[in-house]
Amino acid sequence: MRLLPASLWPRFLKRRLPTSLWGRSLLIIVLPVLVMQVAVTWAFFDMHWQTVTARLSDGLAGDIAWAAESWRDDPTPQNMAVISERAQRAMSLSIALQDGATLPDEHRRGPVGVVDRTLEKALAARLDQPFWFDTTRYPAYVDIRVQQPQGVLRIIAPRERAVATQAHIFVLWLLIATVLLMSVAILFIRNQVRAIERLAEAAEAFGRGETHERFKPHGAREVRAAAVAFLAMRERIQRHIDQRTALLASVSHDLRTPLTRLRLELALAPPFKRADAMRGDMDEMEHMIDEYLAFARGEAGEAAQPISLSELLAAAADDARRAGAEVEVAVPEGLTASLRPLAFKRALANLTGNAAAHGEHVRLSARALPSGGLEIAVEDDGPGIPEDMHEEAFRPFSRLDASRNQNHKGVGLGLAIARDVARSHGGDITLERSDLGGLRALIRLPG
């Protein structure tokens, strides 16, 4: 395994750390608790459990050495009976002689190697004869055998004589305490993070033109302060939007009145040479007023509702056909989306109008994305727009006459209005080269 250079470790760890506030807050709590628990457990086993186990094993080895020496001093059945009785009464050891037996060849070791190593070290220090032991065959006992000239001296000792058997209780309580601490930490962190998530949801909804009336500041003091500041900012922005819309609506109304009088006077006036040009100028002025008002208003107050995309694209295709373009529509049956009808129709009309104005063939299509969202494409076979000017095309009042045939009727707000509408729905619009040879406008909406 090849190790990373020291300079790359911070970047490596940063990519693998949680990116959410919830994950990072949890890590701040979990990591110190785990480090503390590991340190406490290590200190307990290293300083207490191993020490106690070593002393117990040394005491048991001393008792076994006593039994082996006592038998070696008087290897008679009567002495074996005395040794067995004393060992059972005073040491809780069961001792028996297996005549003519030898030590087993296999060596079985337990999962905790420190127990076997400690017992083996103690027996080797106390006994001169070969020995064998097994700590795994009997859960509550240790089987120890010592080779003697007459056979094997077998000792069955309680496990607590060789090992500190209460260590698991300490570990169990440690785990219970850890679970309780983690549960409390997770509960409090989740409540704080949820308050921030609700604030983000309210901000996102406001960006889409929606208002969460039931949103109330809650959570920690700092989070509540941020929520109160957001509500005040939302009210100021909404008041500014309402004032701007009202102003433009008033200006539009004031401008339409003299335009209407001019149309009436032009209709009643006798025919003259510049009449048609004047009517064209008035039509253009009225169209400009409509576009300015639509750009300022954006239909943000309109409620979203389920709309059939096949009907929506069919209506847009009819408008493009009336503009003289050949239109192809491809939409799966039953595909619907939650949209604000007037706003989205205006955005789609702007895109199809541009496509019909700059190309002879227009293709409208829609499909469901694997991620759960939707994609609507408007394509044409016109001259297109250079890739380095795609973002420039979305700027308000931008008219790329060098790349597209000039649209004398527009004021450079069509794509800007369309992108604002898409973004107010949580999506976006991008431009790319079309298979037809012209421009493809892609509207991507979230699911």
Protein backbone atom coordinates (compact mmCIF):
# COMPACT_ATOMS: atom_id res chain seq x y z
CA MET A 1 0.00 0.00 0.00
CA ARG A 2 1.49 3.33 -1.08
CA LEU A 3 1.23 6.16 1.43
CA LEU A 4 0.29 9.70 0.43
CA PRO A 5 2.87 12.48 0.81
CA ALA A 6 2.50 14.54 3.97
CA SER A 7 1.48 17.62 1.96
CA LEU A 8 -1.54 15.79 0.49
CA TRP A 9 -2.99 14.47 3.75
CA PRO A 10 -4.91 17.68 4.65
CA ARG A 11 -6.57 17.73 1.22
CA PHE A 12 -7.26 13.98 1.40
CA LEU A 13 -8.95 14.33 4.80
CA LYS A 14 -10.86 17.44 3.78
CA ARG A 15 -12.48 15.63 0.84
CA ARG A 16 -13.67 12.86 3.17
CA LEU A 17 -14.94 14.97 6.04
CA PRO A 18 -18.69 15.72 6.19
CA THR A 19 -19.73 18.85 4.32
CA SER A 20 -23.06 19.45 6.10
CA LEU A 21 -23.42 21.27 9.41
CA TRP A 22 -25.23 18.23 10.78
CA GLY A 23 -22.35 15.91 9.87
CA ARG A 24 -19.66 18.27 11.13
CA SER A 25 -21.45 18.99 14.40
CA LEU A 26 -21.92 15.29 14.97
CA LEU A 27 -18.27 14.68 14.21
CA ILE A 28 -17.28 17.36 16.73
CA ILE A 29 -19.21 15.46 19.40
CA VAL A 30 -18.49 11.88 18.29
CA LEU A 31 -14.75 12.17 17.73
CA PRO A 32 -13.80 13.45 21.22
CA VAL A 33 -16.13 10.94 22.88
CA LEU A 34 -14.64 8.05 20.92
CA VAL A 35 -11.09 9.21 21.63
CA MET A 36 -11.92 9.53 25.32
CA GLN A 37 -13.57 6.10 25.47
CA VAL A 38 -10.65 4.46 23.68
CA ALA A 39 -8.17 6.16 26.02
CA VAL A 40 -10.14 5.15 29.12
CA THR A 41 -10.53 1.56 27.90
CA TRP A 42 -6.85 1.30 27.03
CA ALA A 43 -5.83 2.73 30.40
CA PHE A 44 -8.19 0.34 32.19
CA PHE A 45 -6.91 -2.76 30.41
CA ASP A 46 -3.28 -1.71 30.50
CA MET A 47 -3.10 -0.46 34.07
CA HIS A 48 -5.79 -2.40 35.90
CA TRP A 49 -7.06 -5.46 34.10
CA GLN A 50 -3.68 -6.80 33.00
CA THR A 51 -2.19 -6.13 36.44
CA VAL A 52 -5.01 -7.93 38.25
CA THR A 53 -4.91 -10.80 35.75
CA ALA A 54 -1.14 -11.16 36.20
CA ARG A 55 -1.50 -11.32 39.99
CA LEU A 56 -4.32 -13.85 39.80
CA SER A 57 -2.38 -16.01 37.34
CA ASP A 58 0.71 -15.81 39.55
CA GLY A 59 -1.30 -16.91 42.59
CA LEU A 60 -2.86 -19.81 40.68
CA ALA A 61 0.56 -20.87 39.37
CA GLY A 62 1.87 -20.85 42.95
CA ASP A 63 -0.95 -23.16 44.09
CA ILE A 64 -0.30 -25.54 41.18
CA ALA A 65 3.43 -25.55 41.96
CA TRP A 66 2.58 -26.43 45.57
CA ALA A 67 0.42 -29.34 44.42
CA ALA A 68 3.09 -30.60 42.01
CA GLU A 69 5.84 -30.41 44.63
CA SER A 70 3.66 -32.06 47.26
CA TRP A 71 2.98 -34.94 44.90
CA ARG A 72 6.60 -35.23 43.90
CA ASP A 73 7.63 -35.47 47.60
CA ASP A 74 5.20 -38.34 48.27
CA PRO A 75 3.81 -39.94 45.08
CA THR A 76 1.27 -42.20 46.82
CA PRO A 77 -2.48 -42.51 46.41
CA GLN A 78 -2.99 -41.45 50.04
CA ASN A 79 -1.01 -38.24 49.49
CA MET A 80 -2.95 -37.51 46.28
CA ALA A 81 -6.17 -37.79 48.25
CA VAL A 82 -4.87 -35.32 50.83
CA ILE A 83 -3.66 -32.90 48.16
CA SER A 84 -6.98 -33.06 46.31
CA GLU A 85 -9.00 -32.51 49.50
CA ARG A 86 -6.91 -29.53 50.63
CA ALA A 87 -6.84 -27.97 47.15
CA GLN A 88 -10.61 -28.30 46.82
CA ARG A 89 -11.30 -26.92 50.29
CA ALA A 90 -8.79 -24.08 50.46
CA MET A 91 -8.08 -23.19 46.81
CA SER A 92 -11.24 -24.27 44.87
CA LEU A 93 -9.02 -26.49 42.68
CA SER A 94 -9.97 -29.93 41.35
CA ILE A 95 -6.79 -32.08 41.15
CA ALA A 96 -6.49 -35.60 39.76
CA LEU A 97 -3.67 -37.83 38.54
CA GLN A 98 -3.95 -39.43 35.10
CA ASP A 99 -1.67 -42.48 35.30
CA GLY A 100 0.56 -43.04 32.30
CA ALA A 101 -0.87 -40.06 30.36
CA THR A 102 1.12 -37.46 28.44
CA LEU A 103 0.48 -33.83 27.61
CA PRO A 104 -1.69 -33.12 24.54
CA ASP A 105 0.06 -32.07 21.35
CA GLU A 106 -2.43 -29.38 20.31
CA HIS A 107 -2.34 -25.92 21.85
CA ARG A 108 -5.62 -24.04 21.96
CA ARG A 109 -5.53 -20.32 22.65
CA GLY A 110 -8.36 -17.93 23.48
CA PRO A 111 -9.43 -14.83 21.53
CA VAL A 112 -7.83 -12.54 24.14
CA GLY A 113 -4.18 -13.44 23.79
CA VAL A 114 -3.10 -11.49 26.86
CA VAL A 115 -4.82 -14.06 29.14
CA ASP A 116 -2.89 -17.00 27.69
CA ARG A 117 0.39 -15.09 27.67
CA THR A 118 -0.01 -14.00 31.28
CA LEU A 119 -0.92 -17.50 32.50
CA GLU A 120 1.87 -19.12 30.50
CA LYS A 121 4.41 -16.67 31.92
CA ALA A 122 3.26 -17.33 35.49
CA LEU A 123 3.31 -21.14 35.10
CA ALA A 124 6.74 -21.07 33.46
CA ALA A 125 8.11 -19.05 36.38
CA ARG A 126 6.69 -21.45 39.01
CA LEU A 127 6.98 -24.91 37.46
CA ASP A 128 10.04 -26.93 36.53
CA GLN A 129 8.06 -29.67 34.75
CA PRO A 130 6.46 -29.40 31.30
CA PHE A 131 2.90 -28.11 31.39
CA TRP A 132 -0.10 -27.55 29.14
CA PHE A 133 -3.25 -25.47 29.61
CA ASP A 134 -6.49 -24.61 27.82
CA THR A 135 -8.57 -21.52 28.57
CA THR A 136 -11.21 -22.13 25.88
CA ARG A 137 -12.68 -25.61 26.44
CA TYR A 138 -14.72 -24.76 29.54
CA PRO A 139 -16.32 -21.26 29.76
CA ALA A 140 -16.07 -21.08 33.57
CA TYR A 141 -12.89 -23.10 34.15
CA VAL A 142 -9.25 -23.36 33.10
CA ASP A 143 -7.75 -26.79 32.33
CA ILE A 144 -4.08 -27.03 33.42
CA ARG A 145 -1.93 -30.18 33.14
CA VAL A 146 1.56 -30.80 34.53
CA GLN A 147 3.71 -33.67 33.35
CA GLN A 148 4.87 -36.02 36.15
CA PRO A 149 6.94 -39.25 36.00
CA GLN A 150 3.85 -41.31 36.85
CA GLY A 151 1.55 -39.50 34.41
CA VAL A 152 -0.19 -36.13 34.15
CA LEU A 153 -1.38 -34.05 37.08
CA ARG A 154 -4.61 -32.41 35.88
CA ILE A 155 -5.93 -29.29 37.63
CA ILE A 156 -9.33 -27.75 36.87
CA ALA A 157 -9.40 -24.20 38.24
CA PRO A 158 -12.24 -21.67 38.27
CA ARG A 159 -11.69 -19.05 35.61
CA GLU A 160 -11.80 -16.20 38.11
CA ARG A 161 -8.68 -17.69 39.76
CA ALA A 162 -6.70 -16.85 36.59
CA VAL A 163 -8.50 -13.92 34.94
CA ALA A 164 -10.26 -10.76 36.12
CA THR A 165 -13.68 -11.78 34.78
CA GLN A 166 -15.57 -8.55 35.60
CA ALA A 167 -13.90 -6.47 32.89
CA HIS A 168 -16.87 -6.88 30.55
CA ILE A 169 -19.10 -5.12 33.09
CA PHE A 170 -16.87 -2.05 32.94
CA VAL A 171 -16.91 -2.13 29.13
CA LEU A 172 -20.70 -2.59 29.14
CA TRP A 173 -21.26 0.44 31.37
CA LEU A 174 -18.84 2.40 29.23
CA LEU A 175 -20.84 1.54 26.10
CA ILE A 176 -24.14 2.38 27.80
CA ALA A 177 -22.77 5.77 28.89
CA THR A 178 -21.49 6.39 25.36
CA VAL A 179 -24.86 5.57 23.80
CA LEU A 180 -26.68 7.86 26.24
CA LEU A 181 -24.26 10.73 25.63
CA MET A 182 -24.45 10.25 21.87
CA SER A 183 -28.27 10.11 21.93
CA VAL A 184 -28.52 13.37 23.87
CA ALA A 185 -25.94 15.02 21.59
CA ILE A 186 -27.70 13.84 18.42
CA LEU A 187 -31.07 15.08 19.71
CA PHE A 188 -29.79 18.57 20.52
CA ILE A 189 -27.68 18.86 17.35
CA ARG A 190 -30.60 17.74 15.21
CA ASN A 191 -32.87 20.40 16.71
CA GLN A 192 -30.33 23.15 16.04
CA VAL A 193 -29.60 21.98 12.49
CA ARG A 194 -33.31 21.66 11.75
CA ALA A 195 -33.78 25.35 12.61
CA ILE A 196 -31.07 26.29 10.09
CA GLU A 197 -32.59 23.97 7.47
CA ARG A 198 -35.99 25.63 7.86
CA LEU A 199 -34.39 29.03 7.47
CA ALA A 200 -32.68 27.83 4.27
CA GLU A 201 -35.99 26.41 2.99
CA ALA A 202 -37.75 29.72 3.65
CA ALA A 203 -34.97 31.62 1.84
CA GLU A 204 -35.12 29.20 -1.10
CA ALA A 205 -38.90 29.51 -1.29
CA PHE A 206 -38.67 33.30 -1.24
CA GLY A 207 -36.16 33.11 -4.08
CA ARG A 208 -38.75 31.15 -6.09
CA GLY A 209 -41.38 33.78 -5.41
CA GLU A 210 -43.15 31.78 -2.70
CA THR A 211 -43.77 32.83 0.90
CA HIS A 212 -43.80 30.54 3.93
CA GLU A 213 -46.25 32.40 6.11
CA ARG A 214 -45.92 29.84 8.93
CA PHE A 215 -42.14 30.19 9.16
CA LYS A 216 -41.17 31.36 12.64
CA PRO A 217 -37.70 31.89 14.12
CA HIS A 218 -36.67 29.13 16.51
CA GLY A 219 -33.56 27.32 17.65
CA ALA A 220 -30.47 28.82 19.26
CA ARG A 221 -30.28 32.56 19.92
CA GLU A 222 -27.92 33.16 16.99
CA VAL A 223 -30.13 31.16 14.62
CA ARG A 224 -33.22 33.07 15.76
CA ALA A 225 -31.39 36.34 15.21
CA ALA A 226 -30.49 35.26 11.66
CA ALA A 227 -34.12 34.24 11.03
CA VAL A 228 -35.43 37.59 12.32
CA ALA A 229 -32.95 39.41 10.08
CA PHE A 230 -34.08 37.28 7.13
CA LEU A 231 -37.75 38.09 7.76
CA ALA A 232 -36.97 41.81 7.94
CA MET A 233 -34.91 41.58 4.74
CA ARG A 234 -37.72 39.65 3.02
CA GLU A 235 -40.24 42.32 3.93
CA ARG A 236 -37.96 45.09 2.64
CA ILE A 237 -37.30 43.25 -0.63
CA GLN A 238 -40.98 42.43 -1.09
CA ARG A 239 -41.92 46.05 -0.40
CA HIS A 240 -39.35 47.21 -2.95
CA ILE A 241 -40.66 44.74 -5.55
CA ASP A 242 -44.25 45.82 -4.93
CA GLN A 243 -43.32 49.49 -5.22
CA ARG A 244 -41.34 48.88 -8.42
CA THR A 245 -44.15 46.86 -9.96
CA ALA A 246 -46.73 49.46 -8.98
CA LEU A 247 -44.54 52.22 -10.41
CA LEU A 248 -44.03 50.41 -13.71
CA ALA A 249 -47.71 49.53 -13.90
CA SER A 250 -48.57 53.19 -13.38
CA VAL A 251 -46.02 54.29 -15.97
CA SER A 252 -47.35 51.67 -18.37
CA HIS A 253 -50.90 52.89 -17.86
CA ASP A 254 -49.86 56.53 -18.26
CA LEU A 255 -48.00 55.72 -21.49
CA ARG A 256 -50.82 53.62 -22.91
CA THR A 257 -53.27 56.52 -22.61
CA PRO A 258 -51.45 58.86 -25.06
CA LEU A 259 -50.67 55.86 -27.28
CA THR A 260 -54.37 55.07 -27.46
CA ARG A 261 -55.16 58.72 -28.31
CA LEU A 262 -52.47 58.67 -31.02
CA ARG A 263 -53.95 55.46 -32.48
CA LEU A 264 -57.41 57.01 -32.49
CA GLU A 265 -56.20 60.23 -34.09
CA LEU A 266 -54.21 58.24 -36.66
CA ALA A 267 -57.28 56.15 -37.50
CA LEU A 268 -59.44 59.25 -37.93
CA ALA A 269 -56.85 61.21 -39.87
CA PRO A 270 -56.94 61.21 -43.68
CA PRO A 271 -54.46 58.83 -45.34
CA PHE A 272 -50.94 60.18 -45.62
CA LYS A 273 -47.53 58.88 -46.58
CA ARG A 274 -46.07 58.14 -43.08
CA ALA A 275 -49.20 56.55 -41.57
CA ASP A 276 -47.96 52.95 -41.76
CA ALA A 277 -44.56 53.87 -40.32
CA MET A 278 -46.24 55.66 -37.42
CA ARG A 279 -48.44 52.64 -36.71
CA GLY A 280 -45.32 50.45 -36.67
CA ASP A 281 -43.62 52.80 -34.22
CA MET A 282 -46.62 52.71 -31.91
CA ASP A 283 -46.77 48.90 -32.07
CA GLU A 284 -43.10 48.74 -31.14
CA MET A 285 -43.58 51.18 -28.27
CA GLU A 286 -46.49 49.14 -26.92
CA HIS A 287 -44.46 45.94 -27.18
CA MET A 288 -41.58 47.58 -25.32
CA ILE A 289 -43.91 48.66 -22.53
CA ASP A 290 -45.25 45.10 -22.23
CA GLU A 291 -41.75 43.64 -22.03
CA TYR A 292 -40.54 46.18 -19.47
CA LEU A 293 -43.53 45.47 -17.26
CA ALA A 294 -43.15 41.69 -17.63
CA PHE A 295 -39.45 41.89 -16.75
CA ALA A 296 -40.17 43.95 -13.63
CA ARG A 297 -43.20 41.91 -12.50
CA GLY A 298 -42.09 38.40 -13.42
CA GLU A 299 -45.49 36.96 -12.37
CA ALA A 300 -43.84 36.16 -9.01
CA GLY A 301 -47.10 36.28 -7.08
CA GLU A 302 -48.74 33.60 -9.22
CA ALA A 303 -49.47 30.27 -7.55
CA ALA A 304 -47.94 27.08 -8.97
CA GLN A 305 -50.21 24.31 -10.23
CA PRO A 306 -49.83 21.02 -12.16
CA ILE A 307 -49.64 21.62 -15.91
CA SER A 308 -49.51 19.17 -18.79
CA LEU A 309 -46.30 19.77 -20.72
CA SER A 310 -47.78 18.38 -23.92
CA GLU A 311 -50.52 21.06 -23.86
CA LEU A 312 -48.02 23.75 -22.87
CA LEU A 313 -45.62 22.93 -25.71
CA ALA A 314 -48.48 22.50 -28.19
CA ALA A 315 -49.65 26.07 -27.46
CA ALA A 316 -46.10 27.37 -27.87
CA ALA A 317 -45.77 25.44 -31.15
CA ASP A 318 -48.95 27.06 -32.49
CA ASP A 319 -47.52 30.52 -31.79
CA ALA A 320 -44.28 29.60 -33.59
CA ARG A 321 -46.22 28.28 -36.59
CA ARG A 322 -48.15 31.56 -36.82
CA ALA A 323 -44.72 33.25 -37.01
CA GLY A 324 -44.00 31.19 -40.13
CA ALA A 325 -41.74 28.45 -38.71
CA GLU A 326 -42.05 24.71 -39.20
CA VAL A 327 -42.44 23.22 -35.70
CA GLU A 328 -41.85 19.68 -34.41
CA VAL A 329 -43.07 18.68 -30.91
CA ALA A 330 -41.92 15.59 -28.97
CA VAL A 331 -43.37 15.17 -25.45
CA PRO A 332 -44.10 11.89 -23.60
CA GLU A 333 -47.74 11.35 -22.75
CA GLY A 334 -48.78 12.22 -19.21
CA LEU A 335 -45.69 14.32 -18.41
CA THR A 336 -46.70 17.09 -16.00
CA ALA A 337 -44.93 19.70 -13.87
CA SER A 338 -45.89 22.09 -11.08
CA LEU A 339 -45.49 25.52 -12.69
CA ARG A 340 -46.82 29.05 -12.53
CA PRO A 341 -48.81 29.03 -15.79
CA LEU A 342 -48.65 32.64 -16.98
CA ALA A 343 -44.98 33.10 -16.08
CA PHE A 344 -43.85 29.85 -17.67
CA LYS A 345 -45.95 30.42 -20.79
CA ARG A 346 -44.29 33.80 -21.21
CA ALA A 347 -40.82 32.25 -20.80
CA LEU A 348 -41.62 29.51 -23.32
CA ALA A 349 -43.15 32.03 -25.69
CA ASN A 350 -39.96 34.13 -25.56
CA LEU A 351 -37.79 31.11 -26.38
CA THR A 352 -40.01 29.80 -29.20
CA GLY A 353 -40.44 33.34 -30.54
CA ASN A 354 -36.66 33.75 -30.74
CA ALA A 355 -36.30 30.34 -32.37
CA ALA A 356 -39.03 31.09 -34.94
CA ALA A 357 -37.54 34.53 -35.66
CA HIS A 358 -34.06 33.17 -36.36
CA GLY A 359 -34.76 29.78 -37.93
CA GLU A 360 -37.11 28.06 -40.30
CA HIS A 361 -37.40 24.81 -38.38
CA VAL A 362 -38.12 24.68 -34.62
CA ARG A 363 -38.14 21.60 -32.41
CA LEU A 364 -39.78 21.49 -28.96
CA SER A 365 -39.19 18.50 -26.70
CA ALA A 366 -39.48 17.52 -23.04
CA ARG A 367 -38.30 14.57 -21.00
CA ALA A 368 -38.02 13.39 -17.42
CA LEU A 369 -34.48 13.33 -16.02
CA PRO A 370 -33.11 10.32 -14.11
CA SER A 371 -32.56 12.59 -11.10
CA GLY A 372 -36.31 13.27 -10.94
CA GLY A 373 -36.35 16.66 -12.64
CA LEU A 374 -37.55 17.78 -16.05
CA GLU A 375 -35.81 19.10 -19.16
CA ILE A 376 -37.47 21.16 -21.88
CA ALA A 377 -35.54 21.91 -25.06
CA VAL A 378 -36.26 24.61 -27.66
CA GLU A 379 -34.09 24.24 -30.81
CA ASP A 380 -33.83 25.99 -34.15
CA ASP A 381 -31.77 25.77 -37.34
CA GLY A 382 -30.76 29.43 -37.37
CA PRO A 383 -27.25 30.94 -37.24
CA GLY A 384 -26.87 30.27 -33.50
CA ILE A 385 -24.81 32.18 -30.95
CA PRO A 386 -21.06 31.73 -30.36
CA GLU A 387 -20.33 29.72 -27.22
CA ASP A 388 -18.38 32.54 -25.58
CA MET A 389 -21.46 34.79 -25.83
CA HIS A 390 -24.03 32.41 -24.34
CA GLU A 391 -24.03 34.13 -20.93
CA GLU A 392 -23.99 37.55 -22.55
CA ALA A 393 -27.26 36.67 -24.29
CA PHE A 394 -29.03 36.42 -20.90
CA ARG A 395 -28.10 39.93 -19.82
CA PRO A 396 -31.07 42.33 -19.85
CA PHE A 397 -31.26 44.60 -22.90
CA SER A 398 -28.52 42.59 -24.63
CA ARG A 399 -29.08 42.16 -28.39
CA LEU A 400 -26.55 39.98 -30.18
CA ASP A 401 -27.21 41.34 -33.65
CA ALA A 402 -23.81 40.22 -34.96
CA SER A 403 -24.62 36.58 -34.16
CA ARG A 404 -28.35 36.48 -34.87
CA ASN A 405 -30.55 38.20 -37.40
CA GLN A 406 -31.76 41.40 -35.82
CA ASN A 407 -35.15 41.23 -34.21
CA HIS A 408 -36.41 44.80 -34.61
CA LYS A 409 -39.38 44.15 -32.38
CA GLY A 410 -37.44 43.02 -29.29
CA VAL A 411 -35.60 45.04 -26.69
CA GLY A 412 -33.22 42.34 -25.44
CA LEU A 413 -35.33 41.09 -22.51
CA GLY A 414 -36.67 37.79 -23.88
CA LEU A 415 -33.91 35.48 -22.63
CA ALA A 416 -33.49 37.46 -19.39
CA ILE A 417 -37.19 37.06 -18.60
CA ALA A 418 -37.09 33.36 -19.49
CA ARG A 419 -34.09 32.70 -17.21
CA ASP A 420 -35.68 34.62 -14.32
CA VAL A 421 -38.82 32.51 -14.67
CA ALA A 422 -36.83 29.26 -14.76
CA ARG A 423 -34.77 30.25 -11.73
CA SER A 424 -37.88 31.31 -9.84
CA HIS A 425 -39.05 27.70 -10.30
CA GLY A 426 -35.77 26.40 -8.84
CA GLY A 427 -34.22 25.57 -12.24
CA ASP A 428 -32.18 27.34 -14.89
CA ILE A 429 -31.73 27.84 -18.63
CA THR A 430 -28.54 27.08 -20.55
CA LEU A 431 -27.63 27.48 -24.21
CA GLU A 432 -25.73 25.08 -26.44
CA ARG A 433 -25.33 24.05 -30.07
CA SER A 434 -28.34 22.28 -31.55
CA ASP A 435 -28.31 19.18 -33.74
CA LEU A 436 -30.36 21.23 -36.20
CA GLY A 437 -27.38 23.55 -36.64
CA GLY A 438 -28.69 26.50 -34.66
CA LEU A 439 -29.27 27.16 -30.97
CA ARG A 440 -30.68 24.87 -28.29
CA ALA A 441 -32.16 26.42 -25.12
CA LEU A 442 -32.44 23.89 -22.29
CA ILE A 443 -34.81 24.53 -19.39
CA ARG A 444 -34.01 22.24 -16.44
CA LEU A 445 -36.44 22.13 -13.54
CA PRO A 446 -36.12 20.21 -10.26
CA GLY A 447 -38.41 17.29 -9.51
